[in-house]
Amino acid sequence: MTQVLDKTAIKFVLVGMINTLVGTGVMFLLYNVVHVNYWISSAANYIVGSIVSYVLNKYFTFQNKEKSWKQLVKFIVNISICYLLAYGIAKPLVSYILSSFSTIIKENIAMLVGMGFFVIFNYIGQRFVVFKHEN
């Protein structure tokens, strides 16, 4: 457990805070102001945030100097899988739990819940697959 929760995890959280501010702003602006649907709004969050995440996590968090297209592809696949899992779980779960609430309330809360799931899935994927240190 100490291998998972160390200074790398703290750096990951700091980078995540930056991504969250930018990505969440984009997501809720698109959904609530521009009235773009759930999937496009939440996907925009991760497209914007993932660009920042890749650079900051690669060089700051995981201090990875590898230069390869394979690693970039792993990152994109990881982000995609984490996104689909997190938001695919969050939307029906929140819809079920908050069935009596309006769609706009349910989807806003589902986006927040999806963000939480995404952070957990993404950290595991980046730490142990994408930027894994080879010993």
Protein backbone atom coordinates (compact mmCIF):
# COMPACT_ATOMS: atom_id res chain seq x y z
CA MET A 1 0.00 0.00 0.00
CA THR A 2 2.88 2.41 0.72
CA GLN A 3 4.06 1.83 -2.86
CA VAL A 4 0.76 3.27 -4.10
CA LEU A 5 0.40 6.16 -1.60
CA ASP A 6 3.76 7.95 -1.70
CA LYS A 7 5.16 11.29 -2.96
CA THR A 8 4.22 10.27 -6.50
CA ALA A 9 0.58 10.04 -5.42
CA ILE A 10 0.80 13.55 -3.93
CA LYS A 11 2.26 14.93 -7.18
CA PHE A 12 -0.48 13.14 -9.12
CA VAL A 13 -3.11 14.82 -6.94
CA LEU A 14 -1.52 18.25 -7.52
CA VAL A 15 -1.51 17.74 -11.27
CA GLY A 16 -5.07 16.48 -10.97
CA MET A 17 -6.11 19.68 -9.22
CA ILE A 18 -4.84 21.70 -12.18
CA ASN A 19 -6.60 19.37 -14.62
CA THR A 20 -9.77 19.53 -12.55
CA LEU A 21 -9.90 23.31 -12.55
CA VAL A 22 -9.43 23.52 -16.30
CA GLY A 23 -11.39 20.46 -17.38
CA THR A 24 -14.30 20.88 -15.00
CA GLY A 25 -14.66 24.48 -16.05
CA VAL A 26 -14.86 23.40 -19.68
CA MET A 27 -17.28 20.56 -18.89
CA PHE A 28 -19.79 22.53 -16.81
CA LEU A 29 -19.57 25.56 -19.09
CA LEU A 30 -20.41 23.42 -22.11
CA TYR A 31 -23.19 21.53 -20.33
CA ASN A 32 -24.86 24.36 -18.39
CA VAL A 33 -24.19 27.45 -20.53
CA VAL A 34 -23.78 26.17 -24.08
CA HIS A 35 -26.21 23.23 -23.46
CA VAL A 36 -24.01 20.58 -25.03
CA ASN A 37 -25.05 17.04 -24.06
CA TYR A 38 -23.63 14.92 -21.18
CA TRP A 39 -21.24 12.81 -23.26
CA ILE A 40 -19.72 15.64 -25.29
CA SER A 41 -19.39 17.93 -22.26
CA SER A 42 -17.70 15.28 -20.14
CA ALA A 43 -15.49 14.15 -23.05
CA ALA A 44 -14.33 17.74 -23.63
CA ASN A 45 -13.20 17.79 -20.01
CA TYR A 46 -10.88 14.87 -20.63
CA ILE A 47 -9.61 15.97 -24.01
CA VAL A 48 -8.48 19.32 -22.58
CA GLY A 49 -7.35 17.91 -19.23
CA SER A 50 -5.53 14.96 -20.79
CA ILE A 51 -3.18 17.17 -22.78
CA VAL A 52 -2.14 18.96 -19.59
CA SER A 53 -2.09 15.68 -17.66
CA TYR A 54 0.21 13.92 -20.09
CA VAL A 55 2.86 16.61 -20.00
CA LEU A 56 2.75 17.28 -16.25
CA ASN A 57 2.47 13.65 -15.16
CA LYS A 58 5.13 12.44 -17.58
CA TYR A 59 7.78 14.97 -16.57
CA PHE A 60 6.76 16.15 -13.08
CA THR A 61 4.88 13.32 -11.40
CA PHE A 62 6.50 10.20 -12.81
CA GLN A 63 9.72 11.86 -14.08
CA ASN A 64 9.60 9.68 -17.16
CA LYS A 65 12.13 10.55 -19.87
CA GLU A 66 11.05 7.87 -22.36
CA LYS A 67 10.28 9.21 -25.81
CA SER A 68 8.00 6.87 -27.68
CA TRP A 69 4.78 6.80 -29.59
CA LYS A 70 3.95 3.55 -27.81
CA GLN A 71 3.80 5.38 -24.48
CA LEU A 72 1.59 8.11 -25.93
CA VAL A 73 -0.76 5.46 -27.35
CA LYS A 74 -0.85 3.73 -23.92
CA PHE A 75 -1.75 7.07 -22.35
CA ILE A 76 -4.57 7.70 -24.83
CA VAL A 77 -5.92 4.16 -24.41
CA ASN A 78 -5.72 4.49 -20.61
CA ILE A 79 -7.57 7.82 -20.61
CA SER A 80 -10.21 6.43 -22.97
CA ILE A 81 -10.83 3.28 -20.94
CA CYS A 82 -10.91 5.22 -17.66
CA TYR A 83 -13.32 7.76 -19.13
CA LEU A 84 -15.71 5.15 -20.51
CA LEU A 85 -15.64 3.12 -17.30
CA ALA A 86 -15.99 6.08 -14.95
CA TYR A 87 -18.77 7.89 -16.77
CA GLY A 88 -20.42 4.69 -17.94
CA ILE A 89 -20.74 3.61 -14.30
CA ALA A 90 -21.57 7.03 -12.89
CA LYS A 91 -24.51 7.95 -15.11
CA PRO A 92 -26.71 4.87 -14.53
CA LEU A 93 -25.70 4.66 -10.87
CA VAL A 94 -26.67 8.26 -10.14
CA SER A 95 -29.80 8.00 -12.29
CA TYR A 96 -30.89 4.99 -10.24
CA ILE A 97 -30.08 6.55 -6.85
CA LEU A 98 -31.60 9.94 -7.73
CA SER A 99 -34.44 8.66 -9.90
CA SER A 100 -36.90 11.29 -8.66
CA PHE A 101 -34.62 14.24 -9.53
CA SER A 102 -34.58 16.14 -12.82
CA THR A 103 -32.27 15.04 -15.63
CA ILE A 104 -30.12 18.16 -15.29
CA ILE A 105 -29.51 17.49 -11.57
CA LYS A 106 -28.81 13.80 -12.16
CA GLU A 107 -26.38 14.47 -15.00
CA ASN A 108 -24.51 17.22 -13.13
CA ILE A 109 -24.09 14.90 -10.14
CA ALA A 110 -23.19 11.99 -12.43
CA MET A 111 -20.41 14.13 -13.94
CA LEU A 112 -19.01 14.80 -10.44
CA VAL A 113 -19.22 11.11 -9.49
CA GLY A 114 -17.64 10.17 -12.83
CA MET A 115 -14.75 12.51 -12.06
CA GLY A 116 -14.11 10.67 -8.79
CA PHE A 117 -14.14 7.26 -10.47
CA PHE A 118 -11.92 8.58 -13.25
CA VAL A 119 -9.23 9.82 -10.84
CA ILE A 120 -8.94 6.41 -9.20
CA PHE A 121 -8.90 4.43 -12.45
CA ASN A 122 -6.54 6.88 -14.16
CA TYR A 123 -3.98 6.93 -11.34
CA ILE A 124 -3.74 3.15 -11.37
CA GLY A 125 -3.40 3.08 -15.17
CA GLN A 126 -0.80 5.84 -15.39
CA ARG A 127 1.25 4.63 -12.44
CA PHE A 128 1.33 0.93 -13.23
CA VAL A 129 0.95 0.81 -17.01
CA VAL A 130 1.68 4.06 -18.89
CA PHE A 131 4.59 5.50 -16.88
CA LYS A 132 5.66 2.31 -15.13
CA HIS A 133 9.31 2.37 -14.03
CA GLU A 134 11.14 -0.63 -15.36
CA ASN A 135 13.54 -2.03 -12.77
